PDB file of N, CA and C in Angstrom:
ATOM      1  N   MET A   1     -57.581  46.921   5.223  1.00  0.00           N
ATOM      2  CA  MET A   1     -56.294  46.025   5.869  1.00  0.00           C
ATOM      3  C   MET A   1     -56.504  45.363   6.116  1.00  0.00           C
ATOM      4  N   LYS A   2     -56.287  44.193   6.533  1.00  0.00           N
ATOM      5  CA  LYS A   2     -56.977  42.051   6.521  1.00  0.00           C
ATOM      6  C   LYS A   2     -56.814  42.707   7.981  1.00  0.00           C
ATOM      7  N   LYS A   3     -58.366  42.361   8.777  1.00  0.00           N
ATOM      8  CA  LYS A   3     -57.978  41.597   9.735  1.00  0.00           C
ATOM      9  C   LYS A   3     -56.966  41.076  10.312  1.00  0.00           C
ATOM     10  N   GLU A   4     -56.610  40.799  11.932  1.00  0.00           N
ATOM     11  CA  GLU A   4     -55.907  39.885  11.730  1.00  0.00           C
ATOM     12  C   GLU A   4     -56.701  38.479  12.133  1.00  0.00           C
ATOM     13  N   ASN A   5     -56.113  37.210  12.165  1.00  0.00           N
ATOM     14  CA  ASN A   5     -56.658  36.306  12.325  1.00  0.00           C
ATOM     15  C   ASN A   5     -56.632  35.755  13.963  1.00  0.00           C
ATOM     16  N   ALA A   6     -56.818  36.116  14.483  1.00  0.00           N
ATOM     17  CA  ALA A   6     -56.093  35.109  15.962  1.00  0.00           C
ATOM     18  C   ALA A   6     -56.485  34.246  16.429  1.00  0.00           C
ATOM     19  N   ILE A   7     -56.652  33.084  15.661  1.00  0.00           N
ATOM     20  CA  ILE A   7     -56.484  31.326  16.902  1.00  0.00           C
ATOM     21  C   ILE A   7     -55.199  31.269  15.153  1.00  0.00           C
ATOM     22  N   LEU A   8     -54.285  31.593  14.047  1.00  0.00           N
ATOM     23  CA  LEU A   8     -53.751  31.886  13.485  1.00  0.00           C
ATOM     24  C   LEU A   8     -51.757  32.475  14.030  1.00  0.00           C
ATOM     25  N   THR A   9     -52.281  34.006  14.665  1.00  0.00           N
ATOM     26  CA  THR A   9     -51.357  34.033  15.266  1.00  0.00           C
ATOM     27  C   THR A   9     -51.707  33.436  17.104  1.00  0.00           C
ATOM     28  N   HIS A  10     -52.365  32.617  17.631  1.00  0.00           N
ATOM     29  CA  HIS A  10     -51.980  32.171  19.018  1.00  0.00           C
ATOM     30  C   HIS A  10     -51.448  31.295  19.015  1.00  0.00           C
ATOM     31  N   SER A  11     -51.654  30.725  17.947  1.00  0.00           N
ATOM     32  CA  SER A  11     -51.520  28.921  17.885  1.00  0.00           C
ATOM     33  C   SER A  11     -49.677  28.959  16.913  1.00  0.00           C
ATOM     34  N   PHE A  12     -49.972  30.167  16.779  1.00  0.00           N
ATOM     35  CA  PHE A  12     -48.314  30.235  16.443  1.00  0.00           C
ATOM     36  C   PHE A  12     -47.330  30.816  17.128  1.00  0.00           C
ATOM     37  N   GLN A  13     -47.230  31.528  17.881  1.00  0.00           N
ATOM     38  CA  GLN A  13     -47.266  32.116  19.807  1.00  0.00           C
ATOM     39  C   GLN A  13     -46.617  30.669  20.009  1.00  0.00           C
ATOM     40  N   PHE A  14     -47.979  30.249  20.370  1.00  0.00           N
ATOM     41  CA  PHE A  14     -47.549  29.057  20.665  1.00  0.00           C
ATOM     42  C   PHE A  14     -47.068  28.139  20.783  1.00  0.00           C
ATOM     43  N   ALA A  15     -46.872  27.629  19.513  1.00  0.00           N
ATOM     44  CA  ALA A  15     -46.075  26.617  18.873  1.00  0.00           C
ATOM     45  C   ALA A  15     -44.897  27.091  19.224  1.00  0.00           C
ATOM     46  N   ILE A  16     -44.400  28.404  18.634  1.00  0.00           N
ATOM     47  CA  ILE A  16     -42.938  28.740  19.145  1.00  0.00           C
ATOM     48  C   ILE A  16     -42.339  28.736  20.824  1.00  0.00           C
ATOM     49  N   ALA A  17     -43.482  29.192  21.920  1.00  0.00           N
ATOM     50  CA  ALA A  17     -42.846  28.946  23.255  1.00  0.00           C
ATOM     51  C   ALA A  17     -43.238  27.699  23.167  1.00  0.00           C
ATOM     52  N   ILE A  18     -43.700  26.443  22.928  1.00  0.00           N
ATOM     53  CA  ILE A  18     -43.395  25.083  22.760  1.00  0.00           C
ATOM     54  C   ILE A  18     -42.775  24.597  22.694  1.00  0.00           C
ATOM     55  N   ILE A  19     -41.869  25.351  21.514  1.00  0.00           N
ATOM     56  CA  ILE A  19     -40.444  24.449  21.111  1.00  0.00           C
ATOM     57  C   ILE A  19     -39.298  25.344  21.938  1.00  0.00           C
ATOM     58  N   GLU A  20     -39.884  26.182  22.525  1.00  0.00           N
ATOM     59  CA  GLU A  20     -39.106  27.198  23.591  1.00  0.00           C
ATOM     60  C   GLU A  20     -38.846  26.307  25.148  1.00  0.00           C
ATOM     61  N   TYR A  21     -39.861  25.779  25.162  1.00  0.00           N
ATOM     62  CA  TYR A  21     -39.970  25.064  26.651  1.00  0.00           C
ATOM     63  C   TYR A  21     -39.534  23.565  26.411  1.00  0.00           C
ATOM     64  N   CYS A  22     -40.146  22.660  25.472  1.00  0.00           N
ATOM     65  CA  CYS A  22     -39.376  21.826  24.919  1.00  0.00           C
ATOM     66  C   CYS A  22     -37.758  21.645  25.011  1.00  0.00           C
ATOM     67  N   GLU A  23     -37.073  23.066  24.735  1.00  0.00           N
ATOM     68  CA  GLU A  23     -35.342  22.831  24.487  1.00  0.00           C
ATOM     69  C   GLU A  23     -35.623  22.959  25.983  1.00  0.00           C
ATOM     70  N   LEU A  24     -35.732  23.958  26.541  1.00  0.00           N
ATOM     71  CA  LEU A  24     -35.525  23.058  28.480  1.00  0.00           C
ATOM     72  C   LEU A  24     -35.802  21.903  28.737  1.00  0.00           C
ATOM     73  N   LEU A  25     -37.278  20.781  29.025  1.00  0.00           N
ATOM     74  CA  LEU A  25     -36.715  19.647  28.741  1.00  0.00           C
ATOM     75  C   LEU A  25     -35.711  19.047  28.574  1.00  0.00           C
ATOM     76  N   GLU A  26     -35.538  19.130  27.288  1.00  0.00           N
ATOM     77  CA  GLU A  26     -34.028  18.467  26.813  1.00  0.00           C
ATOM     78  C   GLU A  26     -32.495  18.885  27.322  1.00  0.00           C
ATOM     79  N   GLU A  27     -32.758  19.885  27.913  1.00  0.00           N
ATOM     80  CA  GLU A  27     -31.424  20.053  28.478  1.00  0.00           C
ATOM     81  C   GLU A  27     -31.306  19.862  29.769  1.00  0.00           C
ATOM     82  N   SER A  28     -33.098  19.595  30.628  1.00  0.00           N
ATOM     83  CA  SER A  28     -33.019  18.872  31.334  1.00  0.00           C
ATOM     84  C   SER A  28     -33.101  17.242  31.801  1.00  0.00           C
ATOM     85  N   LYS A  29     -32.687  16.996  30.063  1.00  0.00           N
ATOM     86  CA  LYS A  29     -32.451  15.756  29.758  1.00  0.00           C
ATOM     87  C   LYS A  29     -33.707  14.574  29.997  1.00  0.00           C
ATOM     88  N   LYS A  30     -35.032  15.207  29.605  1.00  0.00           N
ATOM     89  CA  LYS A  30     -36.704  15.152  29.776  1.00  0.00           C
ATOM     90  C   LYS A  30     -37.168  14.549  28.510  1.00  0.00           C
ATOM     91  N   TYR A  31     -36.645  14.299  27.497  1.00  0.00           N
ATOM     92  CA  TYR A  31     -36.864  13.795  26.253  1.00  0.00           C
ATOM     93  C   TYR A  31     -38.298  13.034  25.524  1.00  0.00           C
ATOM     94  N   VAL A  32     -38.431  12.494  26.766  1.00  0.00           N
ATOM     95  CA  VAL A  32     -40.389  11.472  26.315  1.00  0.00           C
ATOM     96  C   VAL A  32     -40.900  12.202  25.972  1.00  0.00           C
ATOM     97  N   ILE A  33     -40.760  13.317  27.949  1.00  0.00           N
ATOM     98  CA  ILE A  33     -42.196  14.182  27.270  1.00  0.00           C
ATOM     99  C   ILE A  33     -42.452  15.469  27.134  1.00  0.00           C
ATOM    100  N   ALA A  34     -40.308  15.675  26.311  1.00  0.00           N
ATOM    101  CA  ALA A  34     -40.413  17.628  25.251  1.00  0.00           C
ATOM    102  C   ALA A  34     -40.709  16.749  24.168  1.00  0.00           C
ATOM    103  N   ARG A  35     -40.773  15.358  23.892  1.00  0.00           N
ATOM    104  CA  ARG A  35     -40.505  14.577  22.264  1.00  0.00           C
ATOM    105  C   ARG A  35     -42.017  14.528  22.181  1.00  0.00           C
ATOM    106  N   GLN A  36     -43.200  14.615  22.565  1.00  0.00           N
ATOM    107  CA  GLN A  36     -44.864  14.217  23.166  1.00  0.00           C
ATOM    108  C   GLN A  36     -45.147  15.795  23.094  1.00  0.00           C
ATOM    109  N   LEU A  37     -44.906  16.736  23.537  1.00  0.00           N
ATOM    110  CA  LEU A  37     -45.180  18.271  23.840  1.00  0.00           C
ATOM    111  C   LEU A  37     -44.873  18.646  22.949  1.00  0.00           C
ATOM    112  N   LEU A  38     -43.633  18.591  21.711  1.00  0.00           N
ATOM    113  CA  LEU A  38     -43.406  19.404  21.151  1.00  0.00           C
ATOM    114  C   LEU A  38     -44.246  18.737  19.796  1.00  0.00           C
ATOM    115  N   LYS A  39     -44.081  17.592  19.573  1.00  0.00           N
ATOM    116  CA  LYS A  39     -45.574  16.836  18.730  1.00  0.00           C
ATOM    117  C   LYS A  39     -46.299  17.282  18.941  1.00  0.00           C
ATOM    118  N   SER A  40     -47.675  17.165  19.812  1.00  0.00           N
ATOM    119  CA  SER A  40     -48.870  17.789  20.039  1.00  0.00           C
ATOM    120  C   SER A  40     -48.910  19.371  20.119  1.00  0.00           C
ATOM    121  N   GLY A  41     -48.101  20.204  20.504  1.00  0.00           N
ATOM    122  CA  GLY A  41     -48.323  21.185  20.657  1.00  0.00           C
ATOM    123  C   GLY A  41     -47.886  22.631  19.087  1.00  0.00           C
ATOM    124  N   THR A  42     -47.376  21.737  18.805  1.00  0.00           N
ATOM    125  CA  THR A  42     -46.210  22.383  17.093  1.00  0.00           C
ATOM    126  C   THR A  42     -47.822  21.596  16.393  1.00  0.00           C
ATOM    127  N   SER A  43     -48.902  20.618  16.597  1.00  0.00           N
ATOM    128  CA  SER A  43     -49.129  20.289  15.395  1.00  0.00           C
ATOM    129  C   SER A  43     -51.076  21.084  15.351  1.00  0.00           C
ATOM    130  N   ILE A  44     -51.053  22.265  16.198  1.00  0.00           N
ATOM    131  CA  ILE A  44     -52.653  22.756  16.540  1.00  0.00           C
ATOM    132  C   ILE A  44     -52.354  24.190  16.012  1.00  0.00           C
ATOM    133  N   GLY A  45     -51.038  24.763  15.434  1.00  0.00           N
ATOM    134  CA  GLY A  45     -50.492  25.217  14.551  1.00  0.00           C
ATOM    135  C   GLY A  45     -50.758  24.969  12.898  1.00  0.00           C
ATOM    136  N   ALA A  46     -50.620  23.881  12.904  1.00  0.00           N
ATOM    137  CA  ALA A  46     -49.987  23.536  11.959  1.00  0.00           C
ATOM    138  C   ALA A  46     -51.645  22.837  11.038  1.00  0.00           C
ATOM    139  N   ASN A  47     -52.786  22.417  12.199  1.00  0.00           N
ATOM    140  CA  ASN A  47     -53.863  22.514  12.130  1.00  0.00           C
ATOM    141  C   ASN A  47     -54.643  23.024  12.395  1.00  0.00           C
ATOM    142  N   VAL A  48     -54.530  24.414  11.786  1.00  0.00           N
ATOM    143  CA  VAL A  48     -55.599  26.109  12.200  1.00  0.00           C
ATOM    144  C   VAL A  48     -54.561  26.268  10.987  1.00  0.00           C
ATOM    145  N   HIS A  49     -53.915  26.504  10.781  1.00  0.00           N
ATOM    146  CA  HIS A  49     -52.507  26.803   9.251  1.00  0.00           C
ATOM    147  C   HIS A  49     -53.448  26.577   8.177  1.00  0.00           C
ATOM    148  N   GLU A  50     -53.485  24.690   8.334  1.00  0.00           N
ATOM    149  CA  GLU A  50     -54.509  24.218   6.752  1.00  0.00           C
ATOM    150  C   GLU A  50     -55.914  23.801   6.844  1.00  0.00           C
ATOM    151  N   ALA A  51     -56.597  24.582   8.058  1.00  0.00           N
ATOM    152  CA  ALA A  51     -57.879  24.410   7.820  1.00  0.00           C
ATOM    153  C   ALA A  51     -57.913  26.191   7.070  1.00  0.00           C
ATOM    154  N   GLN A  52     -57.498  27.303   7.257  1.00  0.00           N
ATOM    155  CA  GLN A  52     -57.272  28.312   6.269  1.00  0.00           C
ATOM    156  C   GLN A  52     -57.264  27.905   4.365  1.00  0.00           C
ATOM    157  N   SER A  53     -57.321  26.441   4.102  1.00  0.00           N
ATOM    158  CA  SER A  53     -57.529  25.822   2.958  1.00  0.00           C
ATOM    159  C   SER A  53     -58.370  24.597   2.887  1.00  0.00           C
ATOM    160  N   ALA A  54     -59.489  25.425   3.823  1.00  0.00           N
ATOM    161  CA  ALA A  54     -59.904  23.939   3.865  1.00  0.00           C
ATOM    162  C   ALA A  54     -61.571  23.754   2.915  1.00  0.00           C
ATOM    163  N   GLU A  55     -61.698  22.718   1.855  1.00  0.00           N
ATOM    164  CA  GLU A  55     -62.587  22.845   1.087  1.00  0.00           C
ATOM    165  C   GLU A  55     -63.958  23.650   1.098  1.00  0.00           C
ATOM    166  N   SER A  56     -64.717  22.668   1.903  1.00  0.00           N
ATOM    167  CA  SER A  56     -65.627  23.708   2.959  1.00  0.00           C
ATOM    168  C   SER A  56     -65.838  23.991   4.533  1.00  0.00           C
ATOM    169  N   ASN A  57     -66.889  24.204   4.481  1.00  0.00           N
ATOM    170  CA  ASN A  57     -67.097  24.454   6.267  1.00  0.00           C
ATOM    171  C   ASN A  57     -67.348  23.748   6.794  1.00  0.00           C
ATOM    172  N   ILE A  58     -67.709  22.276   6.325  1.00  0.00           N
ATOM    173  CA  ILE A  58     -67.582  20.895   7.477  1.00  0.00           C
ATOM    174  C   ILE A  58     -66.030  20.378   7.316  1.00  0.00           C
ATOM    175  N   ASP A  59     -65.595  21.188   6.178  1.00  0.00           N
ATOM    176  CA  ASP A  59     -63.823  20.271   6.329  1.00  0.00           C
ATOM    177  C   ASP A  59     -62.929  21.215   6.992  1.00  0.00           C
ATOM    178  N   PHE A  60     -63.253  22.480   7.161  1.00  0.00           N
ATOM    179  CA  PHE A  60     -62.470  23.747   7.806  1.00  0.00           C
ATOM    180  C   PHE A  60     -62.918  23.217   9.791  1.00  0.00           C
ATOM    181  N   ILE A  61     -64.281  22.690   9.775  1.00  0.00           N
ATOM    182  CA  ILE A  61     -64.796  22.308  11.356  1.00  0.00           C
ATOM    183  C   ILE A  61     -63.306  20.920  11.977  1.00  0.00           C
ATOM    184  N   HIS A  62     -63.893  20.242  10.550  1.00  0.00           N
ATOM    185  CA  HIS A  62     -62.910  19.418  10.569  1.00  0.00           C
ATOM    186  C   HIS A  62     -61.610  19.188  11.131  1.00  0.00           C
ATOM    187  N   LYS A  63     -61.141  20.248  11.107  1.00  0.00           N
ATOM    188  CA  LYS A  63     -59.534  20.190  10.657  1.00  0.00           C
ATOM    189  C   LYS A  63     -59.113  21.142  11.981  1.00  0.00           C
ATOM    190  N   LEU A  64     -60.502  22.045  12.359  1.00  0.00           N
ATOM    191  CA  LEU A  64     -59.942  22.914  13.304  1.00  0.00           C
ATOM    192  C   LEU A  64     -60.550  21.915  14.810  1.00  0.00           C
ATOM    193  N   LYS A  65     -61.514  21.208  14.823  1.00  0.00           N
ATOM    194  CA  LYS A  65     -61.798  19.389  15.897  1.00  0.00           C
ATOM    195  C   LYS A  65     -60.117  18.741  16.157  1.00  0.00           C
ATOM    196  N   ILE A  66     -59.498  19.157  14.672  1.00  0.00           N
ATOM    197  CA  ILE A  66     -57.664  18.246  15.165  1.00  0.00           C
ATOM    198  C   ILE A  66     -57.599  19.422  15.667  1.00  0.00           C
ATOM    199  N   ALA A  67     -57.255  20.420  15.604  1.00  0.00           N
ATOM    200  CA  ALA A  67     -56.335  21.042  16.122  1.00  0.00           C
ATOM    201  C   ALA A  67     -56.917  21.442  17.627  1.00  0.00           C
ATOM    202  N   ALA A  68     -58.091  21.185  18.118  1.00  0.00           N
ATOM    203  CA  ALA A  68     -58.866  21.674  19.118  1.00  0.00           C
ATOM    204  C   ALA A  68     -58.558  19.557  20.230  1.00  0.00           C
ATOM    205  N   LYS A  69     -58.199  18.527  19.602  1.00  0.00           N
ATOM    206  CA  LYS A  69     -57.627  17.704  20.181  1.00  0.00           C
ATOM    207  C   LYS A  69     -56.508  17.586  20.431  1.00  0.00           C
ATOM    208  N   GLU A  70     -55.684  18.078  19.340  1.00  0.00           N
ATOM    209  CA  GLU A  70     -54.208  18.472  19.454  1.00  0.00           C
ATOM    210  C   GLU A  70     -53.740  19.403  20.918  1.00  0.00           C
ATOM    211  N   ALA A  71     -54.385  20.487  20.955  1.00  0.00           N
ATOM    212  CA  ALA A  71     -55.051  21.217  22.167  1.00  0.00           C
ATOM    213  C   ALA A  71     -55.128  20.657  23.296  1.00  0.00           C
ATOM    214  N   GLU A  72     -55.566  19.700  23.372  1.00  0.00           N
ATOM    215  CA  GLU A  72     -56.409  18.854  24.490  1.00  0.00           C
ATOM    216  C   GLU A  72     -55.199  17.987  24.490  1.00  0.00           C
ATOM    217  N   GLU A  73     -54.676  17.465  23.878  1.00  0.00           N
ATOM    218  CA  GLU A  73     -53.304  16.805  24.612  1.00  0.00           C
ATOM    219  C   GLU A  73     -51.736  17.252  25.271  1.00  0.00           C
ATOM    220  N   THR A  74     -52.208  18.572  24.512  1.00  0.00           N
ATOM    221  CA  THR A  74     -51.158  19.491  24.534  1.00  0.00           C
ATOM    222  C   THR A  74     -51.375  19.361  26.339  1.00  0.00           C
ATOM    223  N   LYS A  75     -52.165  20.000  26.637  1.00  0.00           N
ATOM    224  CA  LYS A  75     -52.791  20.526  28.062  1.00  0.00           C
ATOM    225  C   LYS A  75     -52.201  18.877  28.714  1.00  0.00           C
ATOM    226  N   TYR A  76     -52.209  17.789  28.542  1.00  0.00           N
ATOM    227  CA  TYR A  76     -52.276  16.693  29.197  1.00  0.00           C
ATOM    228  C   TYR A  76     -50.963  17.062  29.087  1.00  0.00           C
ATOM    229  N   TRP A  77     -50.343  16.953  28.680  1.00  0.00           N
ATOM    230  CA  TRP A  77     -48.513  16.474  28.974  1.00  0.00           C
ATOM    231  C   TRP A  77     -48.386  17.890  29.595  1.00  0.00           C
ATOM    232  N   LEU A  78     -48.432  19.408  29.190  1.00  0.00           N
ATOM    233  CA  LEU A  78     -48.330  20.733  30.303  1.00  0.00           C
ATOM    234  C   LEU A  78     -49.210  20.348  31.679  1.00  0.00           C
ATOM    235  N   LEU A  79     -50.179  19.615  32.352  1.00  0.00           N
ATOM    236  CA  LEU A  79     -50.319  19.084  33.695  1.00  0.00           C
ATOM    237  C   LEU A  79     -49.582  18.217  33.988  1.00  0.00           C
ATOM    238  N   LEU A  80     -48.953  17.175  32.808  1.00  0.00           N
ATOM    239  CA  LEU A  80     -48.223  16.238  33.928  1.00  0.00           C
ATOM    240  C   LEU A  80     -46.673  17.044  34.273  1.00  0.00           C
ATOM    241  N   CYS A  81     -46.127  17.860  33.380  1.00  0.00           N
ATOM    242  CA  CYS A  81     -45.087  19.006  33.745  1.00  0.00           C
ATOM    243  C   CYS A  81     -45.047  19.366  35.099  1.00  0.00           C
ATOM    244  N   GLN A  82     -46.773  20.456  35.271  1.00  0.00           N
ATOM    245  CA  GLN A  82     -47.302  20.873  36.320  1.00  0.00           C
ATOM    246  C   GLN A  82     -47.007  20.658  37.812  1.00  0.00           C
ATOM    247  N   GLU A  83     -47.422  18.847  37.517  1.00  0.00           N
ATOM    248  CA  GLU A  83     -47.519  18.086  39.132  1.00  0.00           C
ATOM    249  C   GLU A  83     -45.834  17.855  38.659  1.00  0.00           C
ATOM    250  N   ALA A  84     -44.894  17.464  38.464  1.00  0.00           N
ATOM    251  CA  ALA A  84     -43.457  16.455  38.148  1.00  0.00           C
ATOM    252  C   ALA A  84     -42.699  17.739  38.981  1.00  0.00           C
ATOM    253  N   ASN A  85     -42.286  17.194  40.251  1.00  0.00           N
ATOM    254  CA  ASN A  85     -41.255  18.168  41.025  1.00  0.00           C
ATOM    255  C   ASN A  85     -40.085  19.099  40.344  1.00  0.00           C
ATOM    256  N   THR A  86     -39.841  18.295  39.393  1.00  0.00           N
ATOM    257  CA  THR A  86     -38.610  18.466  38.370  1.00  0.00           C
ATOM    258  C   THR A  86     -38.133  18.693  37.289  1.00  0.00           C
ATOM    259  N   TYR A  87     -39.940  19.090  36.655  1.00  0.00           N
ATOM    260  CA  TYR A  87     -39.623  20.215  35.515  1.00  0.00           C
ATOM    261  C   TYR A  87     -40.428  21.999  35.650  1.00  0.00           C
ATOM    262  N   PRO A  88     -39.516  22.327  34.906  1.00  0.00           N
ATOM    263  CA  PRO A  88     -39.879  23.615  34.735  1.00  0.00           C
ATOM    264  C   PRO A  88     -41.157  24.389  34.805  1.00  0.00           C
ATOM    265  N   ASN A  89     -41.733  25.058  35.161  1.00  0.00           N
ATOM    266  CA  ASN A  89     -43.803  25.301  35.026  1.00  0.00           C
ATOM    267  C   ASN A  89     -44.076  25.768  34.183  1.00  0.00           C
ATOM    268  N   PRO A  90     -44.932  25.583  33.525  1.00  0.00           N
ATOM    269  CA  PRO A  90     -45.355  25.710  32.375  1.00  0.00           C
ATOM    270  C   PRO A  90     -46.690  26.501  32.223  1.00  0.00           C
ATOM    271  N   ASP A  91     -47.001  26.865  33.796  1.00  0.00           N
ATOM    272  CA  ASP A  91     -48.138  27.922  33.747  1.00  0.00           C
ATOM    273  C   ASP A  91     -48.882  28.814  33.091  1.00  0.00           C
ATOM    274  N   LEU A  92     -47.801  29.164  32.417  1.00  0.00           N
ATOM    275  CA  LEU A  92     -48.033  30.556  30.879  1.00  0.00           C
ATOM    276  C   LEU A  92     -48.083  29.611  29.685  1.00  0.00           C
ATOM    277  N   LEU A  93     -48.070  28.772  29.483  1.00  0.00           N
ATOM    278  CA  LEU A  93     -47.888  27.695  28.436  1.00  0.00           C
ATOM    279  C   LEU A  93     -49.779  27.254  28.849  1.00  0.00           C
ATOM    280  N   LEU A  94     -50.385  26.531  30.014  1.00  0.00           N
ATOM    281  CA  LEU A  94     -51.089  25.982  30.165  1.00  0.00           C
ATOM    282  C   LEU A  94     -52.312  27.578  30.104  1.00  0.00           C
ATOM    283  N   LYS A  95     -52.399  28.608  30.662  1.00  0.00           N
ATOM    284  CA  LYS A  95     -53.550  29.309  30.226  1.00  0.00           C
ATOM    285  C   LYS A  95     -53.366  29.451  28.770  1.00  0.00           C
ATOM    286  N   LYS A  96     -52.261  29.602  28.193  1.00  0.00           N
ATOM    287  CA  LYS A  96     -52.361  30.150  26.489  1.00  0.00           C
ATOM    288  C   LYS A  96     -53.078  28.500  25.701  1.00  0.00           C
ATOM    289  N   VAL A  97     -53.064  27.650  26.360  1.00  0.00           N
ATOM    290  CA  VAL A  97     -53.760  26.592  25.672  1.00  0.00           C
ATOM    291  C   VAL A  97     -55.040  26.772  25.502  1.00  0.00           C
ATOM    292  N   ASP A  98     -55.254  26.882  27.664  1.00  0.00           N
ATOM    293  CA  ASP A  98     -56.721  27.162  27.533  1.00  0.00           C
ATOM    294  C   ASP A  98     -57.392  28.565  26.836  1.00  0.00           C
ATOM    295  N   GLU A  99     -56.611  29.414  26.148  1.00  0.00           N
ATOM    296  CA  GLU A  99     -57.013  30.323  25.687  1.00  0.00           C
ATOM    297  C   GLU A  99     -57.302  30.040  24.083  1.00  0.00           C
ATOM    298  N   ILE A 100     -56.367  29.098  23.835  1.00  0.00           N
ATOM    299  CA  ILE A 100     -56.382  28.345  22.275  1.00  0.00           C
ATOM    300  C   ILE A 100     -57.697  27.523  22.267  1.00  0.00           C
ATOM    301  N   LEU A 101     -57.809  27.013  23.397  1.00  0.00           N
ATOM    302  CA  LEU A 101     -58.905  25.804  23.175  1.00  0.00           C
ATOM    303  C   LEU A 101     -60.642  26.770  23.119  1.00  0.00           C
ATOM    304  N   ARG A 102     -60.777  27.832  23.937  1.00  0.00           N
ATOM    305  CA  ARG A 102     -61.630  29.026  24.474  1.00  0.00           C
ATOM    306  C   ARG A 102     -62.281  29.441  22.352  1.00  0.00           C
ATOM    307  N   ILE A 103     -60.967  29.783  22.106  1.00  0.00           N
ATOM    308  CA  ILE A 103     -61.056  30.294  20.279  1.00  0.00           C
ATOM    309  C   ILE A 103     -62.061  29.274  19.665  1.00  0.00           C
ATOM    310  N   LEU A 104     -60.761  27.848  19.647  1.00  0.00           N
ATOM    311  CA  LEU A 104     -61.197  26.916  18.588  1.00  0.00           C
ATOM    312  C   LEU A 104     -62.575  26.695  18.774  1.00  0.00           C
ATOM    313  N   SER A 105     -63.254  26.879  19.946  1.00  0.00           N
ATOM    314  CA  SER A 105     -64.910  26.589  20.151  1.00  0.00           C
ATOM    315  C   SER A 105     -65.058  27.358  20.102  1.00  0.00           C
ATOM    316  N   SER A 106     -65.151  28.848  20.089  1.00  0.00           N
ATOM    317  CA  SER A 106     -66.256  29.422  19.507  1.00  0.00           C
ATOM    318  C   SER A 106     -66.104  29.880  18.356  1.00  0.00           C
ATOM    319  N   ILE A 107     -65.208  29.933  17.486  1.00  0.00           N
ATOM    320  CA  ILE A 107     -64.750  28.976  15.827  1.00  0.00           C
ATOM    321  C   ILE A 107     -65.858  28.212  15.248  1.00  0.00           C
ATOM    322  N   ILE A 108     -65.910  27.313  15.867  1.00  0.00           N
ATOM    323  CA  ILE A 108     -66.378  26.153  15.689  1.00  0.00           C
ATOM    324  C   ILE A 108     -67.617  26.233  15.486  1.00  0.00           C
ATOM    325  N   THR A 109     -68.326  26.601  16.615  1.00  0.00           N
ATOM    326  CA  THR A 109     -69.277  26.727  17.370  1.00  0.00           C
ATOM    327  C   THR A 109     -70.474  28.010  16.485  1.00  0.00           C
ATOM    328  N   THR A 110     -69.078  29.084  16.318  1.00  0.00           N
ATOM    329  CA  THR A 110     -69.966  30.077  15.064  1.00  0.00           C
ATOM    330  C   THR A 110     -70.290  29.530  13.513  1.00  0.00           C
ATOM    331  N   THR A 111     -69.135  28.621  12.859  1.00  0.00           N
ATOM    332  CA  THR A 111     -68.872  28.445  11.623  1.00  0.00           C
ATOM    333  C   THR A 111     -70.408  26.886  11.342  1.00  0.00           C
ATOM    334  N   LYS A 112     -70.729  26.358  12.927  1.00  0.00           N
ATOM    335  CA  LYS A 112     -71.906  25.426  12.440  1.00  0.00           C
ATOM    336  C   LYS A 112     -73.149  26.068  12.675  1.00  0.00           C
ATOM    337  N   GLU A 113     -73.212  26.919  13.683  1.00  0.00           N
ATOM    338  CA  GLU A 113     -74.291  27.538  13.328  1.00  0.00           C
ATOM    339  C   GLU A 113     -74.510  28.517  11.992  1.00  0.00           C
ATOM    340  N   LYS A 114     -73.247  29.228  10.938  1.00  0.00           N
ATOM    341  CA  LYS A 114     -73.665  29.747  10.323  1.00  0.00           C
ATOM    342  C   LYS A 114     -74.323  28.333   8.906  1.00  0.00           C
ATOM    343  N   ILE A 115     -73.794  27.392   9.139  1.00  0.00           N
ATOM    344  CA  ILE A 115     -74.321  26.014   8.330  1.00  0.00           C
ATOM    345  C   ILE A 115     -75.562  25.698   8.142  1.00  0.00           C
ATOM    346  N   ASN A 116     -76.209  25.436   9.469  1.00  0.00           N
ATOM    347  CA  ASN A 116     -77.102  25.344   9.947  1.00  0.00           C
ATOM    348  C   ASN A 116     -78.316  26.900   9.590  1.00  0.00           C
ATOM    349  N   GLN A 117     -77.907  27.533   9.777  1.00  0.00           N
ATOM    350  CA  GLN A 117     -78.492  28.927   9.500  1.00  0.00           C
ATOM    351  C   GLN A 117     -78.636  28.855   7.168  1.00  0.00           C
ATOM    352  N   HIS A 118     -77.899  28.412   6.554  1.00  0.00           N
ATOM    353  CA  HIS A 118     -78.454  27.650   5.924  1.00  0.00           C
ATOM    354  C   HIS A 118     -78.874  26.514   4.619  1.00  0.00           C
ATOM    355  N   LYS A 119     -79.141  25.823   5.780  1.00  0.00           N
ATOM    356  CA  LYS A 119     -80.094  24.399   5.108  1.00  0.00           C
ATOM    357  C   LYS A 119     -81.636  25.131   5.159  1.00  0.00           C
TER     358      LYS A 119
END
């Protein structure tokens, strides 16, 4: 039985949650933030998914670093939403993006250590 890939699962589920949150924003006519958040929030999973077909460990790390940058951008937009009085509460999404960032950081660190062991 194949072990679940936590980062693939988390980033995919997060993208679905982001889509739903952005739909709420659009219903409130908050189009600019919704568009920015939708792009960065769904890009995390796209980059994680792409990393699964990386040509090397270096390429794998590079793609995961892009995913981490997208996660940081997503966190920024969510923090703006959190501070703006007229936006829906994004607290759960903020917790989820922090978890994704921790997982990505762990995978990147572990992969770098493996590379250094083989030198």
